[in-house]
Amino acid sequence: MSQYSIRLYGDPVLRLRAPEVDTIDGRLKQLADDMVQTMYEAPGVGLAAPQVGVQKRMFVYDAGDGLGPRTVVNPVLSEVRGEWTYEEGCLSVPGLSWPIVRPKEVHLTGVDLEGNVVSIEADEFVARVFQHEVDHLDGVLLVERLDEDQRKEAKRILRARALGLPDADPDGLRTLTAGEQPAGHPGL
């Protein structure tokens, strides 16, 4: 079992830009190993350090291409091209996903855990993983990538979850009209 838990929507650490990593050492490598374990247990395909409450500019991912988990430290995206819509979810917003439009192709640079320069041309799914994780490093959440109507619905659902209401009753009206008192609410 991982020593880290994934921070969920509403946690202030998810809104902060993560600072650059200055030193790659044994502690950073252990953090990456722990993040990979957390990612697999979730399960997910990518995990940024802020999602486990660590303010470091790094992420881990496993694209399912047989190469196993990899870590990118101080990633930078450039040369974005095209457009691709894909159903996207987030470990920090569990159980919800939306069709999101993002660039289809990106160029990612950074360094690996050995200090070697990483330079990857990625498209479609892997490009999306890179963009999603770099968003986390910049304090940008998936909900901010939604159109206005999607964002309103997402916020209603997330607010309901925070109040202990079921997702199907995000405003609590069904619960109240049925004469039940929502969990975590004092009487009205």
N, C-alpha and C. Protein backbone atom coordinates (compact mmCIF):
# COMPACT_ATOMS: atom_id res chain seq x y z
N MET A 1 0.83 -1.19 0.00
CA MET A 1 0.00 0.00 0.00
C MET A 1 0.88 1.25 0.00
N SER A 2 0.47 2.22 -0.78
CA SER A 2 1.23 3.45 -0.92
C SER A 2 1.18 4.29 0.35
N GLN A 3 2.23 5.03 0.59
CA GLN A 3 2.24 5.92 1.74
C GLN A 3 1.56 7.25 1.42
N TYR A 4 1.23 7.47 0.17
CA TYR A 4 0.57 8.71 -0.23
C TYR A 4 -0.89 8.47 -0.57
N SER A 5 -1.71 9.47 -0.28
CA SER A 5 -3.09 9.45 -0.76
C SER A 5 -3.21 10.57 -1.79
N ILE A 6 -4.12 10.39 -2.71
CA ILE A 6 -4.30 11.37 -3.77
C ILE A 6 -5.17 12.51 -3.26
N ARG A 7 -4.69 13.72 -3.43
CA ARG A 7 -5.43 14.91 -3.02
C ARG A 7 -6.60 15.11 -3.98
N LEU A 8 -7.75 15.48 -3.43
CA LEU A 8 -8.97 15.60 -4.22
C LEU A 8 -9.33 17.06 -4.48
N TYR A 9 -10.16 17.24 -5.49
CA TYR A 9 -10.66 18.57 -5.85
C TYR A 9 -11.08 19.32 -4.58
N GLY A 10 -10.65 20.56 -4.49
CA GLY A 10 -10.93 21.38 -3.32
C GLY A 10 -9.71 21.55 -2.43
N ASP A 11 -8.74 20.65 -2.54
CA ASP A 11 -7.51 20.76 -1.76
C ASP A 11 -6.68 21.92 -2.34
N PRO A 12 -6.33 22.90 -1.52
CA PRO A 12 -5.61 24.08 -2.03
C PRO A 12 -4.28 23.76 -2.70
N VAL A 13 -3.62 22.67 -2.34
CA VAL A 13 -2.33 22.34 -2.94
C VAL A 13 -2.45 22.11 -4.45
N LEU A 14 -3.63 21.72 -4.90
CA LEU A 14 -3.84 21.46 -6.32
C LEU A 14 -3.93 22.74 -7.15
N ARG A 15 -4.06 23.87 -6.49
CA ARG A 15 -4.20 25.16 -7.21
C ARG A 15 -2.89 25.93 -7.29
N LEU A 16 -1.82 25.38 -6.74
CA LEU A 16 -0.54 26.08 -6.71
C LEU A 16 0.37 25.61 -7.84
N ARG A 17 1.17 26.53 -8.38
CA ARG A 17 2.17 26.14 -9.37
C ARG A 17 3.35 25.50 -8.62
N ALA A 18 3.72 24.32 -9.03
CA ALA A 18 4.82 23.61 -8.37
C ALA A 18 6.16 24.22 -8.79
N PRO A 19 7.05 24.43 -7.82
CA PRO A 19 8.37 24.97 -8.15
C PRO A 19 9.27 23.92 -8.81
N GLU A 20 10.24 24.42 -9.56
CA GLU A 20 11.21 23.55 -10.24
C GLU A 20 11.97 22.70 -9.22
N VAL A 21 12.37 21.53 -9.67
CA VAL A 21 13.21 20.64 -8.87
C VAL A 21 14.66 21.07 -9.10
N ASP A 22 15.40 21.31 -8.01
CA ASP A 22 16.80 21.74 -8.11
C ASP A 22 17.77 20.57 -8.08
N THR A 23 17.42 19.53 -7.32
CA THR A 23 18.35 18.43 -7.10
C THR A 23 17.65 17.10 -7.30
N ILE A 24 18.28 16.24 -8.09
CA ILE A 24 17.78 14.88 -8.25
C ILE A 24 18.65 14.00 -7.36
N ASP A 25 18.02 13.43 -6.33
CA ASP A 25 18.76 12.61 -5.37
C ASP A 25 17.91 11.40 -5.00
N GLY A 26 18.38 10.65 -4.03
CA GLY A 26 17.69 9.45 -3.59
C GLY A 26 16.28 9.72 -3.08
N ARG A 27 16.08 10.86 -2.42
CA ARG A 27 14.75 11.19 -1.92
C ARG A 27 13.77 11.44 -3.06
N LEU A 28 14.24 12.10 -4.12
CA LEU A 28 13.37 12.34 -5.26
C LEU A 28 13.04 11.02 -5.97
N LYS A 29 14.03 10.15 -6.07
CA LYS A 29 13.80 8.84 -6.68
C LYS A 29 12.82 8.02 -5.85
N GLN A 30 12.90 8.10 -4.54
CA GLN A 30 11.94 7.39 -3.68
C GLN A 30 10.54 7.98 -3.83
N LEU A 31 10.46 9.31 -3.93
CA LEU A 31 9.17 9.96 -4.17
C LEU A 31 8.57 9.43 -5.47
N ALA A 32 9.37 9.35 -6.53
CA ALA A 32 8.88 8.85 -7.82
C ALA A 32 8.38 7.42 -7.68
N ASP A 33 9.14 6.57 -6.99
CA ASP A 33 8.71 5.18 -6.78
C ASP A 33 7.37 5.12 -6.03
N ASP A 34 7.26 5.94 -4.98
CA ASP A 34 6.01 5.97 -4.20
C ASP A 34 4.85 6.49 -5.04
N MET A 35 5.13 7.48 -5.90
CA MET A 35 4.08 8.01 -6.76
C MET A 35 3.62 6.98 -7.78
N VAL A 36 4.56 6.20 -8.32
CA VAL A 36 4.18 5.15 -9.27
C VAL A 36 3.26 4.15 -8.58
N GLN A 37 3.63 3.74 -7.37
CA GLN A 37 2.79 2.80 -6.63
C GLN A 37 1.40 3.38 -6.39
N THR A 38 1.33 4.65 -6.00
CA THR A 38 0.05 5.33 -5.77
C THR A 38 -0.76 5.38 -7.07
N MET A 39 -0.09 5.70 -8.17
CA MET A 39 -0.76 5.78 -9.47
C MET A 39 -1.36 4.43 -9.86
N TYR A 40 -0.58 3.36 -9.70
CA TYR A 40 -1.09 2.03 -10.05
C TYR A 40 -2.24 1.59 -9.15
N GLU A 41 -2.16 1.92 -7.86
CA GLU A 41 -3.22 1.53 -6.93
C GLU A 41 -4.52 2.28 -7.20
N ALA A 42 -4.44 3.47 -7.80
CA ALA A 42 -5.63 4.33 -7.96
C ALA A 42 -6.75 3.70 -8.79
N PRO A 43 -6.62 3.10 -9.93
CA PRO A 43 -5.51 3.07 -10.87
C PRO A 43 -5.57 4.26 -11.83
N GLY A 44 -4.40 4.65 -12.31
CA GLY A 44 -4.30 5.74 -13.26
C GLY A 44 -3.13 5.55 -14.19
N VAL A 45 -2.98 6.46 -15.14
CA VAL A 45 -1.87 6.39 -16.10
C VAL A 45 -0.88 7.52 -15.89
N GLY A 46 -1.19 8.49 -15.04
CA GLY A 46 -0.28 9.59 -14.76
C GLY A 46 -0.58 10.16 -13.39
N LEU A 47 0.44 10.74 -12.77
CA LEU A 47 0.27 11.35 -11.45
C LEU A 47 1.34 12.42 -11.26
N ALA A 48 0.89 13.64 -10.95
CA ALA A 48 1.80 14.75 -10.70
C ALA A 48 2.06 14.87 -9.20
N ALA A 49 3.25 15.32 -8.84
CA ALA A 49 3.63 15.43 -7.43
C ALA A 49 2.60 16.22 -6.59
N PRO A 50 2.06 17.34 -7.08
CA PRO A 50 1.06 18.05 -6.25
C PRO A 50 -0.17 17.20 -5.92
N GLN A 51 -0.47 16.20 -6.74
CA GLN A 51 -1.62 15.34 -6.46
C GLN A 51 -1.41 14.47 -5.23
N VAL A 52 -0.17 14.35 -4.76
CA VAL A 52 0.10 13.64 -3.51
C VAL A 52 0.59 14.63 -2.44
N GLY A 53 0.35 15.93 -2.70
CA GLY A 53 0.67 16.95 -1.71
C GLY A 53 2.11 17.40 -1.68
N VAL A 54 2.88 17.07 -2.73
CA VAL A 54 4.29 17.43 -2.78
C VAL A 54 4.49 18.52 -3.84
N GLN A 55 5.00 19.66 -3.42
CA GLN A 55 5.20 20.77 -4.34
C GLN A 55 6.56 20.67 -5.04
N LYS A 56 6.61 19.77 -5.99
CA LYS A 56 7.79 19.59 -6.85
C LYS A 56 7.29 19.46 -8.28
N ARG A 57 8.06 20.01 -9.21
CA ARG A 57 7.67 20.01 -10.62
C ARG A 57 8.14 18.70 -11.27
N MET A 58 7.32 17.66 -11.06
CA MET A 58 7.62 16.34 -11.65
C MET A 58 6.34 15.53 -11.73
N PHE A 59 6.33 14.57 -12.66
CA PHE A 59 5.21 13.65 -12.75
C PHE A 59 5.70 12.28 -13.18
N VAL A 60 4.89 11.28 -12.88
CA VAL A 60 5.15 9.91 -13.32
C VAL A 60 4.01 9.51 -14.25
N TYR A 61 4.30 8.57 -15.14
CA TYR A 61 3.26 8.08 -16.04
C TYR A 61 3.63 6.70 -16.56
N ASP A 62 2.63 5.98 -17.01
CA ASP A 62 2.81 4.71 -17.69
C ASP A 62 1.79 4.68 -18.81
N ALA A 63 2.25 4.85 -20.03
CA ALA A 63 1.37 4.97 -21.19
C ALA A 63 0.84 3.62 -21.66
N GLY A 64 1.20 2.53 -20.98
CA GLY A 64 0.71 1.22 -21.37
C GLY A 64 1.35 0.72 -22.65
N ASP A 65 2.53 1.24 -22.95
CA ASP A 65 3.23 0.87 -24.18
C ASP A 65 4.30 -0.21 -23.98
N GLY A 66 4.31 -0.81 -22.79
CA GLY A 66 5.28 -1.86 -22.50
C GLY A 66 6.61 -1.35 -21.99
N LEU A 67 6.80 -0.04 -21.93
CA LEU A 67 8.07 0.53 -21.45
C LEU A 67 8.06 0.75 -19.94
N GLY A 68 6.91 0.55 -19.31
CA GLY A 68 6.81 0.69 -17.86
C GLY A 68 6.71 2.13 -17.42
N PRO A 69 6.76 2.34 -16.11
CA PRO A 69 6.60 3.70 -15.58
C PRO A 69 7.83 4.56 -15.85
N ARG A 70 7.57 5.84 -16.08
CA ARG A 70 8.64 6.80 -16.31
C ARG A 70 8.37 8.06 -15.52
N THR A 71 9.42 8.80 -15.26
CA THR A 71 9.33 10.05 -14.51
C THR A 71 9.89 11.18 -15.36
N VAL A 72 9.22 12.31 -15.34
CA VAL A 72 9.73 13.51 -16.01
C VAL A 72 9.82 14.61 -14.97
N VAL A 73 11.01 15.18 -14.84
CA VAL A 73 11.29 16.25 -13.89
C VAL A 73 11.40 17.56 -14.67
N ASN A 74 10.80 18.61 -14.13
CA ASN A 74 10.81 19.93 -14.75
C ASN A 74 10.36 19.90 -16.21
N PRO A 75 9.19 19.32 -16.47
CA PRO A 75 8.73 19.21 -17.85
C PRO A 75 8.30 20.54 -18.45
N VAL A 76 8.53 20.65 -19.77
CA VAL A 76 8.11 21.81 -20.53
C VAL A 76 7.44 21.30 -21.80
N LEU A 77 6.27 21.84 -22.11
CA LEU A 77 5.56 21.50 -23.34
C LEU A 77 5.80 22.60 -24.37
N SER A 78 6.01 22.17 -25.61
CA SER A 78 6.17 23.13 -26.70
C SER A 78 5.66 22.49 -27.99
N GLU A 79 5.64 23.28 -29.01
CA GLU A 79 5.26 22.79 -30.34
C GLU A 79 3.94 22.01 -30.31
N VAL A 80 2.92 22.62 -29.77
CA VAL A 80 1.60 21.98 -29.76
C VAL A 80 0.96 22.17 -31.12
N ARG A 81 0.30 21.10 -31.61
CA ARG A 81 -0.34 21.15 -32.93
C ARG A 81 -1.65 20.38 -32.91
N GLY A 82 -2.56 20.81 -33.75
CA GLY A 82 -3.80 20.08 -33.99
C GLY A 82 -4.78 20.18 -32.84
N GLU A 83 -5.82 19.37 -32.95
CA GLU A 83 -6.89 19.34 -31.96
C GLU A 83 -7.41 17.92 -31.86
N TRP A 84 -7.67 17.48 -30.63
CA TRP A 84 -8.18 16.13 -30.43
C TRP A 84 -9.12 16.13 -29.24
N THR A 85 -10.32 15.61 -29.43
CA THR A 85 -11.30 15.50 -28.35
C THR A 85 -11.28 14.08 -27.83
N TYR A 86 -11.23 13.95 -26.51
CA TYR A 86 -11.14 12.63 -25.89
C TYR A 86 -11.77 12.71 -24.51
N GLU A 87 -12.39 11.62 -24.09
CA GLU A 87 -13.00 11.54 -22.76
C GLU A 87 -11.87 11.50 -21.73
N GLU A 88 -11.83 12.51 -20.85
CA GLU A 88 -10.71 12.64 -19.92
C GLU A 88 -11.20 12.69 -18.49
N GLY A 89 -10.55 11.95 -17.63
CA GLY A 89 -10.84 11.95 -16.21
C GLY A 89 -9.61 12.37 -15.43
N CYS A 90 -9.71 12.35 -14.11
CA CYS A 90 -8.61 12.79 -13.26
C CYS A 90 -8.69 12.07 -11.92
N LEU A 91 -7.56 11.62 -11.43
CA LEU A 91 -7.52 10.94 -10.13
C LEU A 91 -7.93 11.87 -8.99
N SER A 92 -7.79 13.18 -9.18
CA SER A 92 -8.19 14.15 -8.16
C SER A 92 -9.67 14.53 -8.26
N VAL A 93 -10.34 14.04 -9.29
CA VAL A 93 -11.78 14.23 -9.47
C VAL A 93 -12.35 12.85 -9.81
N PRO A 94 -12.30 11.92 -8.86
CA PRO A 94 -12.61 10.51 -9.16
C PRO A 94 -14.05 10.28 -9.63
N GLY A 95 -14.15 9.36 -10.58
CA GLY A 95 -15.45 8.93 -11.04
C GLY A 95 -16.13 9.83 -12.05
N LEU A 96 -15.49 10.93 -12.42
CA LEU A 96 -16.07 11.85 -13.40
C LEU A 96 -15.14 11.99 -14.59
N SER A 97 -15.73 12.15 -15.78
CA SER A 97 -14.93 12.39 -16.97
C SER A 97 -15.77 13.17 -17.97
N TRP A 98 -15.09 13.87 -18.86
CA TRP A 98 -15.76 14.70 -19.85
C TRP A 98 -14.97 14.66 -21.16
N PRO A 99 -15.64 14.89 -22.28
CA PRO A 99 -14.90 15.06 -23.53
C PRO A 99 -14.20 16.42 -23.50
N ILE A 100 -12.90 16.40 -23.64
CA ILE A 100 -12.09 17.62 -23.53
C ILE A 100 -11.31 17.78 -24.84
N VAL A 101 -11.26 18.98 -25.35
CA VAL A 101 -10.47 19.28 -26.54
C VAL A 101 -9.10 19.77 -26.08
N ARG A 102 -8.06 19.12 -26.60
CA ARG A 102 -6.68 19.54 -26.33
C ARG A 102 -5.89 19.42 -27.62
N PRO A 103 -4.69 20.01 -27.66
CA PRO A 103 -3.84 19.78 -28.83
C PRO A 103 -3.57 18.29 -29.02
N LYS A 104 -3.51 17.88 -30.27
CA LYS A 104 -3.30 16.47 -30.61
C LYS A 104 -1.84 16.06 -30.46
N GLU A 105 -0.93 16.98 -30.74
CA GLU A 105 0.50 16.67 -30.70
C GLU A 105 1.24 17.68 -29.83
N VAL A 106 2.21 17.19 -29.09
CA VAL A 106 3.06 18.07 -28.27
C VAL A 106 4.50 17.57 -28.29
N HIS A 107 5.38 18.47 -27.95
CA HIS A 107 6.78 18.12 -27.73
C HIS A 107 7.07 18.38 -26.25
N LEU A 108 7.50 17.35 -25.54
CA LEU A 108 7.80 17.45 -24.11
C LEU A 108 9.30 17.36 -23.90
N THR A 109 9.84 18.28 -23.11
CA THR A 109 11.23 18.19 -22.70
C THR A 109 11.29 18.24 -21.18
N GLY A 110 12.36 17.72 -20.62
CA GLY A 110 12.57 17.71 -19.18
C GLY A 110 13.80 16.86 -18.91
N VAL A 111 13.88 16.32 -17.71
CA VAL A 111 14.97 15.40 -17.37
C VAL A 111 14.39 14.19 -16.67
N ASP A 112 15.11 13.07 -16.76
CA ASP A 112 14.68 11.87 -16.05
C ASP A 112 15.37 11.80 -14.70
N LEU A 113 15.19 10.71 -13.98
CA LEU A 113 15.74 10.59 -12.62
C LEU A 113 17.25 10.38 -12.59
N GLU A 114 17.84 10.19 -13.76
CA GLU A 114 19.30 10.09 -13.84
C GLU A 114 19.92 11.41 -14.27
N GLY A 115 19.07 12.42 -14.48
CA GLY A 115 19.55 13.73 -14.91
C GLY A 115 19.72 13.85 -16.41
N ASN A 116 19.29 12.83 -17.17
CA ASN A 116 19.39 12.86 -18.62
C ASN A 116 18.25 13.68 -19.21
N VAL A 117 18.56 14.41 -20.28
CA VAL A 117 17.54 15.19 -20.97
C VAL A 117 16.53 14.25 -21.62
N VAL A 118 15.26 14.57 -21.44
CA VAL A 118 14.16 13.83 -22.06
C VAL A 118 13.57 14.74 -23.13
N SER A 119 13.36 14.21 -24.32
CA SER A 119 12.73 14.95 -25.41
C SER A 119 11.82 13.97 -26.14
N ILE A 120 10.49 14.21 -26.02
CA ILE A 120 9.53 13.25 -26.56
C ILE A 120 8.52 13.98 -27.44
N GLU A 121 8.38 13.51 -28.67
CA GLU A 121 7.28 13.94 -29.55
C GLU A 121 6.13 12.99 -29.26
N ALA A 122 5.00 13.51 -28.85
CA ALA A 122 3.86 12.66 -28.48
C ALA A 122 2.61 13.12 -29.21
N ASP A 123 1.74 12.16 -29.46
CA ASP A 123 0.45 12.53 -30.04
C ASP A 123 -0.68 11.78 -29.34
N GLU A 124 -1.88 12.26 -29.59
CA GLU A 124 -3.11 11.70 -29.07
C GLU A 124 -3.03 11.37 -27.58
N PHE A 125 -3.14 10.09 -27.20
CA PHE A 125 -3.27 9.74 -25.79
C PHE A 125 -2.07 10.18 -24.95
N VAL A 126 -0.86 9.87 -25.41
CA VAL A 126 0.33 10.24 -24.62
C VAL A 126 0.46 11.76 -24.54
N ALA A 127 0.17 12.45 -25.63
CA ALA A 127 0.19 13.92 -25.60
C ALA A 127 -0.79 14.45 -24.56
N ARG A 128 -1.95 13.82 -24.49
CA ARG A 128 -2.98 14.22 -23.52
C ARG A 128 -2.49 13.99 -22.10
N VAL A 129 -1.86 12.84 -21.84
CA VAL A 129 -1.33 12.56 -20.50
C VAL A 129 -0.33 13.65 -20.11
N PHE A 130 0.59 13.99 -21.02
CA PHE A 130 1.58 15.01 -20.72
C PHE A 130 0.91 16.36 -20.41
N GLN A 131 -0.06 16.74 -21.22
CA GLN A 131 -0.74 18.02 -21.01
C GLN A 131 -1.49 18.03 -19.67
N HIS A 132 -2.15 16.93 -19.37
CA HIS A 132 -2.92 16.83 -18.12
C HIS A 132 -2.00 16.97 -16.91
N GLU A 133 -0.86 16.25 -16.93
CA GLU A 133 0.05 16.29 -15.78
C GLU A 133 0.74 17.64 -15.66
N VAL A 134 1.11 18.26 -16.77
CA VAL A 134 1.72 19.59 -16.70
C VAL A 134 0.69 20.60 -16.20
N ASP A 135 -0.57 20.44 -16.57
CA ASP A 135 -1.61 21.29 -15.99
C ASP A 135 -1.57 21.21 -14.46
N HIS A 136 -1.48 19.99 -13.92
CA HIS A 136 -1.41 19.86 -12.45
C HIS A 136 -0.21 20.61 -11.89
N LEU A 137 0.91 20.56 -12.58
CA LEU A 137 2.12 21.25 -12.10
C LEU A 137 1.95 22.76 -12.14
N ASP A 138 1.05 23.23 -13.01
CA ASP A 138 0.76 24.66 -13.11
C ASP A 138 -0.41 25.09 -12.24
N GLY A 139 -1.00 24.15 -11.48
CA GLY A 139 -2.13 24.48 -10.62
C GLY A 139 -3.45 24.58 -11.37
N VAL A 140 -3.51 23.96 -12.55
CA VAL A 140 -4.72 23.98 -13.38
C VAL A 140 -5.40 22.63 -13.25
N LEU A 141 -6.69 22.66 -12.94
CA LEU A 141 -7.45 21.42 -12.77
C LEU A 141 -8.30 21.13 -14.00
N LEU A 142 -8.61 19.88 -14.18
CA LEU A 142 -9.41 19.42 -15.31
C LEU A 142 -10.71 20.21 -15.45
N VAL A 143 -11.33 20.56 -14.35
CA VAL A 143 -12.59 21.28 -14.36
C VAL A 143 -12.45 22.62 -15.11
N GLU A 144 -11.26 23.21 -15.08
CA GLU A 144 -11.03 24.47 -15.76
C GLU A 144 -10.96 24.30 -17.27
N ARG A 145 -10.82 23.08 -17.75
CA ARG A 145 -10.75 22.80 -19.19
C ARG A 145 -12.13 22.54 -19.80
N LEU A 146 -13.16 22.56 -18.96
CA LEU A 146 -14.51 22.26 -19.43
C LEU A 146 -15.16 23.51 -20.01
N ASP A 147 -16.15 23.30 -20.89
CA ASP A 147 -16.92 24.45 -21.36
C ASP A 147 -17.81 24.92 -20.20
N GLU A 148 -18.47 26.06 -20.38
CA GLU A 148 -19.21 26.68 -19.28
C GLU A 148 -20.29 25.75 -18.70
N ASP A 149 -21.07 25.10 -19.56
CA ASP A 149 -22.14 24.22 -19.07
C ASP A 149 -21.56 23.01 -18.33
N GLN A 150 -20.52 22.41 -18.89
CA GLN A 150 -19.88 21.26 -18.24
C GLN A 150 -19.32 21.67 -16.88
N ARG A 151 -18.68 22.84 -16.83
CA ARG A 151 -18.07 23.30 -15.58
C ARG A 151 -19.13 23.53 -14.51
N LYS A 152 -20.26 24.12 -14.88
CA LYS A 152 -21.33 24.33 -13.90
C LYS A 152 -21.83 23.00 -13.35
N GLU A 153 -22.07 22.03 -14.23
CA GLU A 153 -22.54 20.71 -13.78
C GLU A 153 -21.48 20.03 -12.91
N ALA A 154 -20.22 20.10 -13.34
CA ALA A 154 -19.14 19.50 -12.56
C ALA A 154 -19.07 20.11 -11.16
N LYS A 155 -19.16 21.42 -11.08
CA LYS A 155 -19.08 22.09 -9.78
C LYS A 155 -20.27 21.74 -8.90
N ARG A 156 -21.46 21.58 -9.51
CA ARG A 156 -22.63 21.14 -8.73
C ARG A 156 -22.38 19.76 -8.13
N ILE A 157 -21.87 18.86 -8.95
CA ILE A 157 -21.60 17.49 -8.47
C ILE A 157 -20.53 17.50 -7.39
N LEU A 158 -19.45 18.25 -7.61
CA LEU A 158 -18.36 18.29 -6.64
C LEU A 158 -18.79 18.95 -5.34
N ARG A 159 -19.62 19.98 -5.42
CA ARG A 159 -20.15 20.62 -4.21
C ARG A 159 -21.03 19.62 -3.45
N ALA A 160 -21.86 18.87 -4.19
CA ALA A 160 -22.72 17.87 -3.56
C ALA A 160 -21.88 16.82 -2.84
N ARG A 161 -20.81 16.38 -3.48
CA ARG A 161 -19.93 15.40 -2.83
C ARG A 161 -19.34 15.96 -1.54
N ALA A 162 -18.92 17.22 -1.59
CA ALA A 162 -18.34 17.84 -0.39
C ALA A 162 -19.36 17.92 0.74
N LEU A 163 -20.64 18.03 0.38
CA LEU A 163 -21.71 18.11 1.38
C LEU A 163 -22.28 16.75 1.75
N GLY A 164 -21.76 15.69 1.11
CA GLY A 164 -22.24 14.35 1.42
C GLY A 164 -23.53 13.97 0.72
N LEU A 165 -23.88 14.70 -0.34
CA LEU A 165 -25.08 14.39 -1.12
C LEU A 165 -24.72 13.45 -2.26
N PRO A 166 -25.66 12.65 -2.74
CA PRO A 166 -25.36 11.78 -3.88
C PRO A 166 -25.17 12.60 -5.16
N ASP A 167 -24.31 12.10 -6.09
CA ASP A 167 -24.07 12.79 -7.36
C ASP A 167 -25.36 13.02 -8.13
N ALA A 168 -26.31 12.12 -8.02
CA ALA A 168 -27.58 12.24 -8.75
C ALA A 168 -28.48 13.32 -8.15
N ASP A 169 -28.10 13.86 -7.01
CA ASP A 169 -28.90 14.89 -6.33
C ASP A 169 -27.99 16.05 -5.94
N PRO A 170 -27.31 16.68 -6.93
CA PRO A 170 -26.28 17.65 -6.59
C PRO A 170 -26.76 18.89 -5.85
N ASP A 171 -28.03 19.25 -5.99
CA ASP A 171 -28.50 20.42 -5.26
C ASP A 171 -29.20 20.07 -3.95
N GLY A 172 -29.38 18.75 -3.69
CA GLY A 172 -29.97 18.30 -2.44
C GLY A 172 -31.48 18.36 -2.38
N LEU A 173 -32.11 18.81 -3.47
CA LEU A 173 -33.57 18.97 -3.44
C LEU A 173 -34.31 17.64 -3.32
N ARG A 174 -33.85 16.62 -4.03
CA ARG A 174 -34.52 15.32 -3.92
C ARG A 174 -34.46 14.80 -2.49
N THR A 175 -33.30 14.96 -1.89
CA THR A 175 -33.12 14.50 -0.52
C THR A 175 -34.05 15.27 0.42
N LEU A 176 -34.10 16.59 0.26
CA LEU A 176 -34.91 17.41 1.15
C LEU A 176 -36.40 17.17 0.94
N THR A 177 -36.83 17.02 -0.31
CA THR A 177 -38.25 16.81 -0.55
C THR A 177 -38.70 15.42 -0.14
N ALA A 178 -37.77 14.49 -0.05
CA ALA A 178 -38.12 13.14 0.41
C ALA A 178 -38.17 13.09 1.94
N GLY A 179 -37.86 14.22 2.60
CA GLY A 179 -37.93 14.27 4.05
C GLY A 179 -36.69 13.75 4.74
N GLU A 180 -35.62 13.48 3.96
CA GLU A 180 -34.39 12.98 4.57
C GLU A 180 -33.47 14.16 4.83
N GLN A 181 -32.64 14.03 5.82
CA GLN A 181 -31.67 15.07 6.12
C GLN A 181 -30.33 14.64 5.54
N PRO A 182 -29.72 15.45 4.65
CA PRO A 182 -28.44 15.07 4.07
C PRO A 182 -27.36 14.89 5.14
N ALA A 183 -26.46 13.94 4.88
CA ALA A 183 -25.36 13.71 5.81
C ALA A 183 -24.52 14.98 5.91
N GLY A 184 -24.11 15.32 7.11
CA GLY A 184 -23.26 16.45 7.33
C GLY A 184 -23.98 17.78 7.40
N HIS A 185 -25.31 17.79 7.26
CA HIS A 185 -26.07 19.03 7.30
C HIS A 185 -26.84 19.12 8.61
N PRO A 186 -26.81 20.26 9.26
CA PRO A 186 -27.71 20.46 10.39
C PRO A 186 -29.11 20.69 9.84
N GLY A 187 -30.12 20.64 10.64
CA GLY A 187 -31.47 20.90 10.17
C GLY A 187 -31.60 22.31 9.59
N LEU A 188 -32.55 22.47 8.70
CA LEU A 188 -32.72 23.80 8.08
C LEU A 188 -33.63 24.67 8.91
